[in-house]
Amino acid sequence: MPNKEYPYYFRKLGKLYYVNESCRNIKRKEISSYEFTINELIAFPFDTQSIAKRTADECGGYIVVRNATFEDYIGKENVGVNI
């Protein structure tokens, strides 16, 4: 089934798409920062809705669902890694 499409998820905050999260411990307190982009092509795709929802709950926003073949999805992940 090489052409079968599967869902994947983006976290979106207004017009911005989630790219990355950084966590640091400062004086025994965990601090998180988030990176967003306006370009969906470099946004980080989540493969499960529950993980996308959990991260959306942390900093707000909502989940956007897209569908792609497995090869297209893997290609999308590689775009984010190479930039």
PDB file of N, CA and C in Angstrom:
ATOM      1  N   MET A   1       0.815  -1.191   0.000  1.00  0.00           N
ATOM      2  CA  MET A   1       0.000   0.000   0.000  1.00  0.00           C
ATOM      3  C   MET A   1       0.864   1.263   0.000  1.00  0.00           C
ATOM      4  N   PRO A   2       1.731   1.438  -0.987  1.00  0.00           N
ATOM      5  CA  PRO A   2       2.620   2.596  -0.967  1.00  0.00           C
ATOM      6  C   PRO A   2       1.915   3.934  -1.128  1.00  0.00           C
ATOM      7  N   ASN A   3       0.721   3.961  -1.708  1.00  0.00           N
ATOM      8  CA  ASN A   3       0.027   5.234  -1.925  1.00  0.00           C
ATOM      9  C   ASN A   3      -1.017   5.542  -0.854  1.00  0.00           C
ATOM     10  N   LYS A   4      -1.131   4.678   0.157  1.00  0.00           N
ATOM     11  CA  LYS A   4      -2.085   4.926   1.230  1.00  0.00           C
ATOM     12  C   LYS A   4      -1.656   6.173   2.000  1.00  0.00           C
ATOM     13  N   GLU A   5      -2.624   7.016   2.336  1.00  0.00           N
ATOM     14  CA  GLU A   5      -2.316   8.232   3.087  1.00  0.00           C
ATOM     15  C   GLU A   5      -2.563   8.027   4.579  1.00  0.00           C
ATOM     16  N   TYR A   6      -1.719   8.657   5.376  1.00  0.00           N
ATOM     17  CA  TYR A   6      -1.801   8.593   6.827  1.00  0.00           C
ATOM     18  C   TYR A   6      -1.897  10.017   7.369  1.00  0.00           C
ATOM     19  N   PRO A   7      -2.576  10.193   8.502  1.00  0.00           N
ATOM     20  CA  PRO A   7      -2.645  11.548   9.076  1.00  0.00           C
ATOM     21  C   PRO A   7      -1.365  11.892   9.834  1.00  0.00           C
ATOM     22  N   TYR A   8      -1.018  13.152   9.835  1.00  0.00           N
ATOM     23  CA  TYR A   8       0.006  13.691  10.708  1.00  0.00           C
ATOM     24  C   TYR A   8      -0.489  15.051  11.187  1.00  0.00           C
ATOM     25  N   TYR A   9       0.149  15.591  12.196  1.00  0.00           N
ATOM     26  CA  TYR A   9      -0.420  16.723  12.909  1.00  0.00           C
ATOM     27  C   TYR A   9       0.612  17.829  13.106  1.00  0.00           C
ATOM     28  N   PHE A  10       0.144  19.068  13.024  1.00  0.00           N
ATOM     29  CA  PHE A  10       0.946  20.240  13.356  1.00  0.00           C
ATOM     30  C   PHE A  10       0.314  20.920  14.549  1.00  0.00           C
ATOM     31  N   ARG A  11       1.147  21.565  15.342  1.00  0.00           N
ATOM     32  CA  ARG A  11       0.637  22.438  16.391  1.00  0.00           C
ATOM     33  C   ARG A  11       0.713  23.838  15.835  1.00  0.00           C
ATOM     34  N   LYS A  12      -0.387  24.566  15.928  1.00  0.00           N
ATOM     35  CA  LYS A  12      -0.450  25.900  15.348  1.00  0.00           C
ATOM     36  C   LYS A  12      -0.901  26.895  16.410  1.00  0.00           C
ATOM     37  N   LEU A  13      -0.283  28.056  16.401  1.00  0.00           N
ATOM     38  CA  LEU A  13      -0.606  29.135  17.330  1.00  0.00           C
ATOM     39  C   LEU A  13      -0.823  30.381  16.486  1.00  0.00           C
ATOM     40  N   GLY A  14      -2.083  30.728  16.248  1.00  0.00           N
ATOM     41  CA  GLY A  14      -2.393  31.821  15.333  1.00  0.00           C
ATOM     42  C   GLY A  14      -1.976  31.446  13.923  1.00  0.00           C
ATOM     43  N   LYS A  15      -1.087  32.237  13.326  1.00  0.00           N
ATOM     44  CA  LYS A  15      -0.573  31.938  11.987  1.00  0.00           C
ATOM     45  C   LYS A  15       0.749  31.181  12.032  1.00  0.00           C
ATOM     46  N   LEU A  16       1.228  30.863  13.228  1.00  0.00           N
ATOM     47  CA  LEU A  16       2.540  30.252  13.392  1.00  0.00           C
ATOM     48  C   LEU A  16       2.443  28.753  13.639  1.00  0.00           C
ATOM     49  N   TYR A  17       3.415  28.016  13.100  1.00  0.00           N
ATOM     50  CA  TYR A  17       3.516  26.571  13.286  1.00  0.00           C
ATOM     51  C   TYR A  17       4.681  26.262  14.220  1.00  0.00           C
ATOM     52  N   TYR A  18       4.479  25.266  15.061  1.00  0.00           N
ATOM     53  CA  TYR A  18       5.510  24.817  16.002  1.00  0.00           C
ATOM     54  C   TYR A  18       6.698  24.210  15.264  1.00  0.00           C
ATOM     55  N   VAL A  19       7.916  24.549  15.712  1.00  0.00           N
ATOM     56  CA  VAL A  19       9.133  23.993  15.132  1.00  0.00           C
ATOM     57  C   VAL A  19       9.912  23.180  16.161  1.00  0.00           C
ATOM     58  N   ASN A  20      10.097  23.727  17.376  1.00  0.00           N
ATOM     59  CA  ASN A  20      10.995  23.079  18.321  1.00  0.00           C
ATOM     60  C   ASN A  20      10.720  23.558  19.740  1.00  0.00           C
ATOM     61  N   GLU A  21      11.134  22.734  20.705  1.00  0.00           N
ATOM     62  CA  GLU A  21      11.054  23.106  22.121  1.00  0.00           C
ATOM     63  C   GLU A  21      12.410  22.874  22.757  1.00  0.00           C
ATOM     64  N   SER A  22      12.832  23.793  23.596  1.00  0.00           N
ATOM     65  CA  SER A  22      14.072  23.648  24.349  1.00  0.00           C
ATOM     66  C   SER A  22      13.733  23.693  25.826  1.00  0.00           C
ATOM     67  N   CYS A  23      14.339  22.793  26.581  1.00  0.00           N
ATOM     68  CA  CYS A  23      14.121  22.769  28.033  1.00  0.00           C
ATOM     69  C   CYS A  23      15.462  22.936  28.732  1.00  0.00           C
ATOM     70  N   ARG A  24      15.456  23.741  29.795  1.00  0.00           N
ATOM     71  CA  ARG A  24      16.648  23.946  30.603  1.00  0.00           C
ATOM     72  C   ARG A  24      16.259  23.925  32.068  1.00  0.00           C
ATOM     73  N   ASN A  25      17.175  23.501  32.886  1.00  0.00           N
ATOM     74  CA  ASN A  25      16.984  23.569  34.333  1.00  0.00           C
ATOM     75  C   ASN A  25      17.802  24.733  34.870  1.00  0.00           C
ATOM     76  N   ILE A  26      17.122  25.721  35.434  1.00  0.00           N
ATOM     77  CA  ILE A  26      17.785  26.879  36.023  1.00  0.00           C
ATOM     78  C   ILE A  26      17.397  26.921  37.489  1.00  0.00           C
ATOM     79  N   LYS A  27      18.405  26.769  38.335  1.00  0.00           N
ATOM     80  CA  LYS A  27      18.173  26.741  39.777  1.00  0.00           C
ATOM     81  C   LYS A  27      17.069  25.747  40.138  1.00  0.00           C
ATOM     82  N   ARG A  28      17.177  24.551  39.545  1.00  0.00           N
ATOM     83  CA  ARG A  28      16.270  23.426  39.806  1.00  0.00           C
ATOM     84  C   ARG A  28      14.833  23.684  39.365  1.00  0.00           C
ATOM     85  N   LYS A  29      14.660  24.611  38.455  1.00  0.00           N
ATOM     86  CA  LYS A  29      13.343  24.899  37.905  1.00  0.00           C
ATOM     87  C   LYS A  29      13.426  24.679  36.397  1.00  0.00           C
ATOM     88  N   GLU A  30      12.517  23.869  35.865  1.00  0.00           N
ATOM     89  CA  GLU A  30      12.555  23.604  34.432  1.00  0.00           C
ATOM     90  C   GLU A  30      11.916  24.754  33.668  1.00  0.00           C
ATOM     91  N   ILE A  31      12.648  25.282  32.701  1.00  0.00           N
ATOM     92  CA  ILE A  31      12.197  26.386  31.870  1.00  0.00           C
ATOM     93  C   ILE A  31      12.119  25.884  30.431  1.00  0.00           C
ATOM     94  N   SER A  32      11.006  26.126  29.761  1.00  0.00           N
ATOM     95  CA  SER A  32      10.849  25.718  28.369  1.00  0.00           C
ATOM     96  C   SER A  32      10.721  26.943  27.481  1.00  0.00           C
ATOM     97  N   SER A  33      11.290  26.837  26.292  1.00  0.00           N
ATOM     98  CA  SER A  33      11.075  27.862  25.271  1.00  0.00           C
ATOM     99  C   SER A  33      10.652  27.147  23.994  1.00  0.00           C
ATOM    100  N   TYR A  34       9.861  27.834  23.195  1.00  0.00           N
ATOM    101  CA  TYR A  34       9.304  27.247  21.993  1.00  0.00           C
ATOM    102  C   TYR A  34       9.669  28.089  20.790  1.00  0.00           C
ATOM    103  N   GLU A  35       9.920  27.416  19.671  1.00  0.00           N
ATOM    104  CA  GLU A  35      10.188  28.106  18.416  1.00  0.00           C
ATOM    105  C   GLU A  35       9.028  27.867  17.465  1.00  0.00           C
ATOM    106  N   PHE A  36       8.628  28.915  16.746  1.00  0.00           N
ATOM    107  CA  PHE A  36       7.542  28.828  15.781  1.00  0.00           C
ATOM    108  C   PHE A  36       7.982  29.442  14.460  1.00  0.00           C
ATOM    109  N   THR A  37       7.294  29.072  13.389  1.00  0.00           N
ATOM    110  CA  THR A  37       7.558  29.617  12.070  1.00  0.00           C
ATOM    111  C   THR A  37       6.238  29.902  11.361  1.00  0.00           C
ATOM    112  N   ILE A  38       6.272  30.792  10.413  1.00  0.00           N
ATOM    113  CA  ILE A  38       5.089  31.067   9.612  1.00  0.00           C
ATOM    114  C   ILE A  38       5.013  30.098   8.421  1.00  0.00           C
ATOM    115  N   ASN A  39       6.107  29.379   8.147  1.00  0.00           N
ATOM    116  CA  ASN A  39       6.224  28.494   6.997  1.00  0.00           C
ATOM    117  C   ASN A  39       5.926  27.042   7.381  1.00  0.00           C
ATOM    118  N   GLU A  40       4.829  26.504   6.891  1.00  0.00           N
ATOM    119  CA  GLU A  40       4.451  25.127   7.214  1.00  0.00           C
ATOM    120  C   GLU A  40       5.486  24.112   6.725  1.00  0.00           C
ATOM    121  N   LEU A  41       6.227  24.452   5.683  1.00  0.00           N
ATOM    122  CA  LEU A  41       7.209  23.518   5.133  1.00  0.00           C
ATOM    123  C   LEU A  41       8.319  23.162   6.111  1.00  0.00           C
ATOM    124  N   ILE A  42       8.618  24.027   7.063  1.00  0.00           N
ATOM    125  CA  ILE A  42       9.670  23.714   8.027  1.00  0.00           C
ATOM    126  C   ILE A  42       9.120  23.456   9.426  1.00  0.00           C
ATOM    127  N   ALA A  43       7.799  23.374   9.542  1.00  0.00           N
ATOM    128  CA  ALA A  43       7.168  23.053  10.822  1.00  0.00           C
ATOM    129  C   ALA A  43       7.426  21.595  11.176  1.00  0.00           C
ATOM    130  N   PHE A  44       7.413  21.290  12.464  1.00  0.00           N
ATOM    131  CA  PHE A  44       7.647  19.932  12.941  1.00  0.00           C
ATOM    132  C   PHE A  44       6.344  19.140  12.918  1.00  0.00           C
ATOM    133  N   PRO A  45       6.277  18.038  12.174  1.00  0.00           N
ATOM    134  CA  PRO A  45       5.065  17.218  12.159  1.00  0.00           C
ATOM    135  C   PRO A  45       5.071  16.192  13.301  1.00  0.00           C
ATOM    136  N   PHE A  46       3.931  16.014  13.922  1.00  0.00           N
ATOM    137  CA  PHE A  46       3.752  14.972  14.938  1.00  0.00           C
ATOM    138  C   PHE A  46       3.044  13.792  14.296  1.00  0.00           C
ATOM    139  N   ASP A  47       3.455  12.579  14.650  1.00  0.00           N
ATOM    140  CA  ASP A  47       2.813  11.419  14.052  1.00  0.00           C
ATOM    141  C   ASP A  47       1.620  10.909  14.853  1.00  0.00           C
ATOM    142  N   THR A  48       1.440  11.398  16.070  1.00  0.00           N
ATOM    143  CA  THR A  48       0.263  11.008  16.850  1.00  0.00           C
ATOM    144  C   THR A  48      -0.474  12.244  17.345  1.00  0.00           C
ATOM    145  N   GLN A  49      -1.775  12.165  17.349  1.00  0.00           N
ATOM    146  CA  GLN A  49      -2.596  13.296  17.767  1.00  0.00           C
ATOM    147  C   GLN A  49      -2.421  13.582  19.254  1.00  0.00           C
ATOM    148  N   SER A  50      -2.233  12.540  20.070  1.00  0.00           N
ATOM    149  CA  SER A  50      -2.122  12.750  21.517  1.00  0.00           C
ATOM    150  C   SER A  50      -0.875  13.556  21.876  1.00  0.00           C
ATOM    151  N   ILE A  51       0.236  13.316  21.198  1.00  0.00           N
ATOM    152  CA  ILE A  51       1.451  14.089  21.475  1.00  0.00           C
ATOM    153  C   ILE A  51       1.276  15.526  20.997  1.00  0.00           C
ATOM    154  N   ALA A  52       0.683  15.709  19.835  1.00  0.00           N
ATOM    155  CA  ALA A  52       0.434  17.061  19.336  1.00  0.00           C
ATOM    156  C   ALA A  52      -0.478  17.825  20.294  1.00  0.00           C
ATOM    157  N   LYS A  53      -1.507  17.155  20.814  1.00  0.00           N
ATOM    158  CA  LYS A  53      -2.430  17.809  21.744  1.00  0.00           C
ATOM    159  C   LYS A  53      -1.738  18.167  23.054  1.00  0.00           C
ATOM    160  N   ARG A  54      -0.925  17.261  23.565  1.00  0.00           N
ATOM    161  CA  ARG A  54      -0.219  17.527  24.821  1.00  0.00           C
ATOM    162  C   ARG A  54       0.678  18.750  24.682  1.00  0.00           C
ATOM    163  N   THR A  55       1.408  18.825  23.585  1.00  0.00           N
ATOM    164  CA  THR A  55       2.285  19.980  23.407  1.00  0.00           C
ATOM    165  C   THR A  55       1.484  21.253  23.132  1.00  0.00           C
ATOM    166  N   ALA A  56       0.342  21.145  22.472  1.00  0.00           N
ATOM    167  CA  ALA A  56      -0.515  22.320  22.258  1.00  0.00           C
ATOM    168  C   ALA A  56      -1.071  22.823  23.587  1.00  0.00           C
ATOM    169  N   ASP A  57      -1.378  21.910  24.489  1.00  0.00           N
ATOM    170  CA  ASP A  57      -1.880  22.308  25.805  1.00  0.00           C
ATOM    171  C   ASP A  57      -0.820  23.061  26.608  1.00  0.00           C
ATOM    172  N   GLU A  58       0.457  22.781  26.363  1.00  0.00           N
ATOM    173  CA  GLU A  58       1.532  23.431  27.114  1.00  0.00           C
ATOM    174  C   GLU A  58       1.657  24.918  26.799  1.00  0.00           C
ATOM    175  N   CYS A  59       1.500  25.290  25.534  1.00  0.00           N
ATOM    176  CA  CYS A  59       1.731  26.695  25.189  1.00  0.00           C
ATOM    177  C   CYS A  59       0.581  27.312  24.404  1.00  0.00           C
ATOM    178  N   GLY A  60      -0.524  26.625  24.311  1.00  0.00           N
ATOM    179  CA  GLY A  60      -1.676  27.169  23.605  1.00  0.00           C
ATOM    180  C   GLY A  60      -1.707  26.725  22.162  1.00  0.00           C
ATOM    181  N   GLY A  61      -2.705  27.175  21.480  1.00  0.00           N
ATOM    182  CA  GLY A  61      -2.830  26.838  20.073  1.00  0.00           C
ATOM    183  C   GLY A  61      -3.777  25.668  19.846  1.00  0.00           C
ATOM    184  N   TYR A  62      -3.720  25.159  18.653  1.00  0.00           N
ATOM    185  CA  TYR A  62      -4.601  24.067  18.258  1.00  0.00           C
ATOM    186  C   TYR A  62      -3.862  23.149  17.299  1.00  0.00           C
ATOM    187  N   ILE A  63      -4.498  22.048  16.935  1.00  0.00           N
ATOM    188  CA  ILE A  63      -3.886  21.035  16.085  1.00  0.00           C
ATOM    189  C   ILE A  63      -4.458  21.128  14.676  1.00  0.00           C
ATOM    190  N   VAL A  64      -3.568  21.051  13.690  1.00  0.00           N
ATOM    191  CA  VAL A  64      -3.948  21.019  12.281  1.00  0.00           C
ATOM    192  C   VAL A  64      -3.617  19.627  11.752  1.00  0.00           C
ATOM    193  N   VAL A  65      -4.580  18.984  11.095  1.00  0.00           N
ATOM    194  CA  VAL A  65      -4.380  17.632  10.574  1.00  0.00           C
ATOM    195  C   VAL A  65      -4.097  17.702   9.079  1.00  0.00           C
ATOM    196  N   ARG A  66      -3.067  16.976   8.642  1.00  0.00           N
ATOM    197  CA  ARG A  66      -2.736  16.833   7.229  1.00  0.00           C
ATOM    198  C   ARG A  66      -2.638  15.344   6.920  1.00  0.00           C
ATOM    199  N   ASN A  67      -2.745  14.983   5.654  1.00  0.00           N
ATOM    200  CA  ASN A  67      -2.581  13.596   5.225  1.00  0.00           C
ATOM    201  C   ASN A  67      -1.481  13.521   4.183  1.00  0.00           C
ATOM    202  N   ALA A  68      -0.713  12.438   4.227  1.00  0.00           N
ATOM    203  CA  ALA A  68       0.354  12.229   3.249  1.00  0.00           C
ATOM    204  C   ALA A  68       0.673  10.752   3.169  1.00  0.00           C
ATOM    205  N   THR A  69       1.256  10.340   2.055  1.00  0.00           N
ATOM    206  CA  THR A  69       1.765   8.980   1.960  1.00  0.00           C
ATOM    207  C   THR A  69       2.961   8.878   2.897  1.00  0.00           C
ATOM    208  N   PHE A  70       3.357   7.668   3.204  1.00  0.00           N
ATOM    209  CA  PHE A  70       4.489   7.468   4.103  1.00  0.00           C
ATOM    210  C   PHE A  70       5.750   8.142   3.558  1.00  0.00           C
ATOM    211  N   GLU A  71       6.023   7.987   2.266  1.00  0.00           N
ATOM    212  CA  GLU A  71       7.214   8.585   1.661  1.00  0.00           C
ATOM    213  C   GLU A  71       7.179  10.117   1.743  1.00  0.00           C
ATOM    214  N   ASP A  72       6.016  10.704   1.505  1.00  0.00           N
ATOM    215  CA  ASP A  72       5.892  12.159   1.601  1.00  0.00           C
ATOM    216  C   ASP A  72       6.109  12.639   3.032  1.00  0.00           C
ATOM    217  N   TYR A  73       5.598  11.880   4.004  1.00  0.00           N
ATOM    218  CA  TYR A  73       5.766  12.243   5.408  1.00  0.00           C
ATOM    219  C   TYR A  73       7.240  12.195   5.803  1.00  0.00           C
ATOM    220  N   ILE A  74       7.938  11.136   5.404  1.00  0.00           N
ATOM    221  CA  ILE A  74       9.363  11.021   5.713  1.00  0.00           C
ATOM    222  C   ILE A  74      10.126  12.174   5.057  1.00  0.00           C
ATOM    223  N   GLY A  75       9.749  12.527   3.830  1.00  0.00           N
ATOM    224  CA  GLY A  75      10.373  13.662   3.155  1.00  0.00           C
ATOM    225  C   GLY A  75      10.169  14.950   3.911  1.00  0.00           C
ATOM    226  N   LYS A  76       8.989  15.137   4.512  1.00  0.00           N
ATOM    227  CA  LYS A  76       8.689  16.336   5.292  1.00  0.00           C
ATOM    228  C   LYS A  76       9.589  16.398   6.519  1.00  0.00           C
ATOM    229  N   GLU A  77       9.790  15.281   7.201  1.00  0.00           N
ATOM    230  CA  GLU A  77      10.669  15.277   8.370  1.00  0.00           C
ATOM    231  C   GLU A  77      12.090  15.633   7.972  1.00  0.00           C
ATOM    232  N   ASN A  78      12.543  15.141   6.822  1.00  0.00           N
ATOM    233  CA  ASN A  78      13.902  15.440   6.376  1.00  0.00           C
ATOM    234  C   ASN A  78      14.080  16.900   6.036  1.00  0.00           C
ATOM    235  N   VAL A  79      13.042  17.559   5.539  1.00  0.00           N
ATOM    236  CA  VAL A  79      13.132  18.994   5.248  1.00  0.00           C
ATOM    237  C   VAL A  79      13.427  19.750   6.543  1.00  0.00           C
ATOM    238  N   GLY A  80      12.698  19.427   7.607  1.00  0.00           N
ATOM    239  CA  GLY A  80      12.911  20.113   8.874  1.00  0.00           C
ATOM    240  C   GLY A  80      14.293  19.872   9.451  1.00  0.00           C
ATOM    241  N   VAL A  81      14.844  18.695   9.242  1.00  0.00           N
ATOM    242  CA  VAL A  81      16.153  18.367   9.785  1.00  0.00           C
ATOM    243  C   VAL A  81      17.255  19.098   9.040  1.00  0.00           C
ATOM    244  N   ASN A  82      17.125  19.260   7.745  1.00  0.00           N
ATOM    245  CA  ASN A  82      18.178  19.849   6.939  1.00  0.00           C
ATOM    246  C   ASN A  82      18.249  21.360   6.997  1.00  0.00           C
ATOM    247  N   ILE A  83      17.226  22.010   7.520  1.00  0.00           N
ATOM    248  CA  ILE A  83      17.228  23.479   7.519  1.00  0.00           C
ATOM    249  C   ILE A  83      17.863  23.997   8.779  1.00  0.00           C
TER     250      ILE A  83
END
